[in-house]
Amino acid sequence: MPFYVYDRGDLNAQLETYELERMAHLRNRVRLPPSPAEIARMEEALHWPTAYLSGAEFHHVARAVNLGSLWAAFDANVDARLKRLKLTRRAFNARKLQGLRIIARELIRRRVPIR
């Protein structure tokens, strides 16, 4: 992207709306690409909810685990999303924690190595 030169009026308007701070934060962000080993571990972990929470009785906990991970990855407003789903944060966190415990228990039971 080309570098845009802002005049004083633009900078003042950005300062009032906190846009200037947001842009400075984005410009100062360093993103390191993942290694092939990290990508392989991620792909393995993405499979765990479907492998260990596939039964109909686990529908709600699997959805909570997947949505919680997705919202964390995109830094989403969790409260707004839960309000749209008509679900309390406490119920959502309880379901997500239950799903994560089931996954952890199965990983231990199957002796999946830690990498």
Protein backbone atom coordinates (compact mmCIF):
# COMPACT_ATOMS: atom_id res chain seq x y z
CA MET A 1 0.00 0.00 0.00
CA PRO A 2 1.27 3.48 -0.74
CA PHE A 3 1.97 5.73 2.20
CA TYR A 4 -0.70 8.41 2.59
CA VAL A 5 0.30 11.84 3.89
CA TYR A 6 -2.31 13.25 6.28
CA ASP A 7 -2.86 16.98 6.69
CA ARG A 8 -3.45 18.57 10.10
CA GLY A 9 -7.26 18.45 9.74
CA ASP A 10 -7.18 14.71 9.05
CA LEU A 11 -4.95 14.07 12.05
CA ASN A 12 -7.18 16.12 14.36
CA ALA A 13 -10.28 14.24 13.20
CA GLN A 14 -8.51 10.90 13.68
CA LEU A 15 -7.37 11.95 17.15
CA GLU A 16 -10.95 12.76 18.19
CA THR A 17 -12.29 9.38 17.07
CA TYR A 18 -9.28 7.37 18.38
CA GLU A 19 -8.60 6.26 14.81
CA LEU A 20 -5.04 7.59 15.06
CA GLU A 21 -4.26 5.29 18.01
CA ARG A 22 -5.83 2.31 16.24
CA MET A 23 -3.80 2.90 13.08
CA ALA A 24 -0.58 3.34 15.08
CA HIS A 25 -1.30 0.06 16.85
CA LEU A 26 -1.83 -1.73 13.52
CA ARG A 27 1.34 -0.28 12.00
CA ASN A 28 3.46 -1.36 14.97
CA ARG A 29 2.27 -4.95 14.82
CA VAL A 30 4.79 -7.59 13.79
CA ARG A 31 3.46 -10.83 12.37
CA LEU A 32 5.76 -13.82 12.21
CA PRO A 33 4.66 -16.54 9.81
CA PRO A 34 4.13 -19.97 11.40
CA SER A 35 6.62 -22.75 10.80
CA PRO A 36 5.57 -25.94 8.99
CA ALA A 37 5.67 -27.83 12.30
CA GLU A 38 3.34 -25.28 13.91
CA ILE A 39 0.95 -25.56 10.98
CA ALA A 40 0.95 -29.37 11.28
CA ARG A 41 0.15 -29.14 15.03
CA MET A 42 -2.62 -26.63 14.32
CA GLU A 43 -4.20 -28.90 11.72
CA GLU A 44 -4.06 -31.80 14.16
CA ALA A 45 -5.70 -29.71 16.91
CA LEU A 46 -8.43 -28.50 14.54
CA HIS A 47 -9.50 -32.11 14.14
CA TRP A 48 -9.93 -32.79 17.88
CA PRO A 49 -13.43 -31.29 18.35
CA THR A 50 -14.84 -33.34 15.48
CA ALA A 51 -13.03 -36.48 16.59
CA TYR A 52 -13.88 -36.34 20.29
CA LEU A 53 -17.15 -34.37 20.34
CA SER A 54 -18.92 -35.97 17.39
CA GLY A 55 -21.90 -37.49 19.19
CA ALA A 56 -25.32 -35.84 19.23
CA GLU A 57 -25.04 -35.47 23.01
CA PHE A 58 -21.98 -33.25 22.50
CA HIS A 59 -23.57 -30.86 20.00
CA HIS A 60 -23.72 -27.86 22.34
CA VAL A 61 -20.26 -28.33 23.82
CA ALA A 62 -18.68 -28.84 20.39
CA ARG A 63 -20.30 -25.65 19.14
CA ALA A 64 -19.08 -23.73 22.19
CA VAL A 65 -15.50 -24.99 21.73
CA ASN A 66 -15.49 -24.11 18.04
CA LEU A 67 -17.13 -20.70 18.45
CA GLY A 68 -14.88 -19.82 21.38
CA SER A 69 -11.80 -20.62 19.31
CA LEU A 70 -13.09 -18.75 16.28
CA TRP A 71 -13.99 -15.65 18.28
CA ALA A 72 -10.61 -15.66 20.01
CA ALA A 73 -8.81 -15.93 16.66
CA PHE A 74 -10.71 -12.98 15.20
CA ASP A 75 -10.72 -10.98 18.45
CA ALA A 76 -14.51 -10.75 18.22
CA ASN A 77 -16.83 -9.07 20.69
CA VAL A 78 -17.90 -12.18 22.60
CA ASP A 79 -20.66 -10.48 24.59
CA ALA A 80 -22.34 -9.20 21.42
CA ARG A 81 -22.10 -12.62 19.79
CA LEU A 82 -23.54 -14.34 22.86
CA LYS A 83 -26.37 -11.82 23.02
CA ARG A 84 -27.22 -12.66 19.41
CA LEU A 85 -27.26 -16.36 20.34
CA LYS A 86 -29.36 -15.57 23.45
CA LEU A 87 -26.84 -17.33 25.66
CA THR A 88 -25.22 -16.14 28.87
CA ARG A 89 -21.46 -15.95 29.17
CA ARG A 90 -21.60 -18.30 32.15
CA ALA A 91 -23.49 -21.00 30.22
CA PHE A 92 -21.23 -20.58 27.19
CA ASN A 93 -18.07 -20.85 29.27
CA ALA A 94 -19.42 -23.90 31.10
CA ARG A 95 -20.14 -25.65 27.78
CA LYS A 96 -16.78 -24.71 26.34
CA LEU A 97 -14.93 -25.89 29.44
CA GLN A 98 -16.85 -29.16 29.42
CA GLY A 99 -15.89 -29.73 25.79
CA LEU A 100 -12.24 -28.91 26.42
CA ARG A 101 -12.20 -31.32 29.38
CA ILE A 102 -13.64 -34.10 27.21
CA ILE A 103 -11.01 -33.45 24.54
CA ALA A 104 -8.21 -33.39 27.13
CA ARG A 105 -9.47 -36.62 28.72
CA GLU A 106 -9.54 -38.37 25.33
CA LEU A 107 -6.07 -37.11 24.42
CA ILE A 108 -4.74 -38.49 27.71
CA ARG A 109 -6.62 -41.77 27.30
CA ARG A 110 -5.27 -42.25 23.78
CA ARG A 111 -1.79 -41.16 24.87
CA VAL A 112 -1.44 -38.50 22.20
CA PRO A 113 2.14 -37.23 22.47
CA ILE A 114 2.80 -33.64 23.46
CA ARG A 115 4.66 -31.76 20.74
